[in-house]
Amino acid sequence: MLTVSQIQSLRPRPKPYKVYDGNGLFLLIQPNGSRLWRFRYRLYGREQRL
């Protein structure tokens, strides 16, 4: 589980990268510094993102 201090310490890289929190939830860090929460799940055998 990610803490607030861990999230604040994440720095942008040249390419987007993911930091997983657990159970399909992850934080996507963009090269411009934005942070987006994403949730990955499967429905009828196909991967979906929310």
Protein backbone atom coordinates (compact mmCIF):
# COMPACT_ATOMS: atom_id res chain seq x y z
CA MET A 1 0.00 0.00 0.00
CA LEU A 2 1.39 3.36 -1.01
CA THR A 3 1.73 6.08 1.60
CA VAL A 4 1.42 9.82 1.01
CA SER A 5 5.16 10.35 1.47
CA GLN A 6 5.96 7.58 -1.05
CA ILE A 7 3.64 9.15 -3.62
CA GLN A 8 5.11 12.62 -3.09
CA SER A 9 8.64 11.29 -3.55
CA LEU A 10 7.91 9.84 -7.02
CA ARG A 11 9.65 11.81 -9.77
CA PRO A 12 8.84 11.92 -13.49
CA ARG A 13 10.94 9.91 -15.94
CA PRO A 14 11.31 10.25 -19.73
CA LYS A 15 8.61 7.56 -20.23
CA PRO A 16 5.39 6.96 -18.22
CA TYR A 17 5.66 4.33 -15.49
CA LYS A 18 3.36 2.56 -13.04
CA VAL A 19 3.61 2.12 -9.28
CA TYR A 20 1.26 -0.62 -8.06
CA ASP A 21 -0.77 -0.24 -4.88
CA GLY A 22 -2.49 -3.63 -4.89
CA ASN A 23 -5.59 -5.43 -6.19
CA GLY A 24 -5.32 -3.84 -9.65
CA LEU A 25 -4.96 -0.24 -8.44
CA PHE A 26 -1.90 1.65 -9.64
CA LEU A 27 -0.57 5.18 -9.96
CA LEU A 28 0.56 6.20 -13.44
CA ILE A 29 3.34 8.81 -13.41
CA GLN A 30 3.51 10.85 -16.62
CA PRO A 31 6.69 12.53 -18.00
CA ASN A 32 5.16 15.96 -17.34
CA GLY A 33 4.83 15.10 -13.61
CA SER A 34 1.09 14.39 -13.47
CA ARG A 35 -0.10 11.46 -11.40
CA LEU A 36 -3.17 9.44 -12.43
CA TRP A 37 -4.89 6.70 -10.44
CA ARG A 38 -5.94 3.77 -12.63
CA PHE A 39 -7.77 0.55 -11.85
CA ARG A 40 -7.20 -2.56 -13.96
CA TYR A 41 -9.74 -5.39 -13.98
CA ARG A 42 -11.01 -8.23 -16.19
CA LEU A 43 -14.54 -8.49 -17.54
CA TYR A 44 -15.52 -11.50 -19.67
CA GLY A 45 -11.85 -12.42 -20.02
CA ARG A 46 -10.82 -9.02 -21.43
CA GLU A 47 -8.63 -6.54 -19.58
CA GLN A 48 -10.29 -3.19 -18.86
CA ARG A 49 -9.07 0.01 -17.22
CA LEU A 50 -11.03 2.54 -15.28
